[in-house]
Amino acid sequence: MFYFQLVIMAGTVLLAYYFEYTDTFPVHIQGFFCFDKAYSKPYPGPEDNSKAPPVLVYSLVTAIPTVTEIIGNET
């Protein structure tokens, strides 16, 4: 049962990686865009605004449940 859970976890991680770093679902840009700086608001984006880099966050989100499951199944 434990190996089955690891396969599901690995598949989830691979799907998350695939959807994050490929153009499977292209972004559709629509609406009104004004590039005049007097009317626009600055948007630094999550990478510039965050104190933790996204790679660290993704790694922890993946590693913490995996380690918890491994420790829980050993006891």
Protein backbone atom coordinates (compact mmCIF):
# COMPACT_ATOMS: atom_id res chain seq x y z
CA MET A 1 0.00 0.00 0.00
CA PHE A 2 2.89 2.33 0.83
CA TYR A 3 4.42 2.03 -2.65
CA PHE A 4 1.05 2.72 -4.23
CA GLN A 5 0.83 5.94 -2.21
CA LEU A 6 4.34 6.94 -3.31
CA VAL A 7 3.39 6.40 -6.96
CA ILE A 8 0.32 8.63 -6.54
CA MET A 9 2.42 11.29 -4.77
CA ALA A 10 5.10 11.18 -7.49
CA GLY A 11 2.45 11.44 -10.20
CA THR A 12 0.95 14.47 -8.51
CA VAL A 13 4.36 16.16 -8.29
CA LEU A 14 5.09 15.41 -11.94
CA LEU A 15 1.71 16.79 -13.04
CA ALA A 16 2.23 19.95 -10.97
CA TYR A 17 5.66 20.42 -12.53
CA TYR A 18 4.34 19.74 -16.03
CA PHE A 19 1.44 22.19 -15.75
CA GLU A 20 3.57 24.89 -14.09
CA TYR A 21 6.48 24.90 -16.54
CA THR A 22 4.84 24.06 -19.88
CA ASP A 23 2.28 25.79 -22.06
CA THR A 24 -0.42 23.13 -21.76
CA PHE A 25 -3.04 25.73 -20.90
CA PRO A 26 -2.08 28.98 -22.67
CA VAL A 27 -2.91 32.27 -21.01
CA HIS A 28 -5.67 34.20 -22.74
CA ILE A 29 -5.15 37.95 -22.45
CA GLN A 30 -8.26 40.05 -22.86
CA GLY A 31 -9.64 43.38 -21.78
CA PHE A 32 -8.54 46.98 -21.86
CA PHE A 33 -4.87 47.76 -21.31
CA CYS A 34 -3.55 51.22 -20.68
CA PHE A 35 0.22 51.50 -20.55
CA ASP A 36 0.21 55.10 -19.36
CA LYS A 37 2.16 55.14 -16.07
CA ALA A 38 -0.08 57.86 -14.64
CA TYR A 39 -3.08 55.49 -14.70
CA SER A 40 -1.50 52.12 -14.03
CA LYS A 41 -0.74 50.52 -10.70
CA PRO A 42 2.57 48.76 -10.14
CA TYR A 43 2.28 44.99 -9.85
CA PRO A 44 5.61 43.49 -8.76
CA GLY A 45 4.43 39.87 -9.11
CA PRO A 46 4.66 37.04 -6.60
CA GLU A 47 8.38 36.41 -7.10
CA ASP A 48 9.35 40.03 -6.45
CA ASN A 49 6.87 40.45 -3.60
CA SER A 50 7.72 37.23 -1.74
CA LYS A 51 10.40 36.71 0.89
CA ALA A 52 10.69 33.01 -0.05
CA PRO A 53 11.53 31.98 -3.62
CA PRO A 54 8.87 29.86 -5.37
CA VAL A 55 11.26 26.91 -5.77
CA LEU A 56 11.67 26.72 -1.99
CA VAL A 57 7.91 26.89 -1.44
CA TYR A 58 7.23 24.14 -4.01
CA SER A 59 9.95 21.95 -2.50
CA LEU A 60 8.57 22.30 1.03
CA VAL A 61 4.98 21.71 -0.09
CA THR A 62 6.15 18.49 -1.74
CA ALA A 63 8.61 17.31 0.91
CA ILE A 64 6.62 17.87 4.11
CA PRO A 65 3.68 15.55 3.24
CA THR A 66 6.07 12.93 1.82
CA VAL A 67 8.24 12.86 4.93
CA THR A 68 5.16 12.83 7.18
CA GLU A 69 3.75 9.87 5.26
CA ILE A 70 7.04 7.97 5.37
CA ILE A 71 7.41 8.52 9.11
CA GLY A 72 3.75 7.65 9.74
CA ASN A 73 3.97 4.39 7.80
CA GLU A 74 7.11 3.21 9.62
CA THR A 75 5.48 3.22 13.02
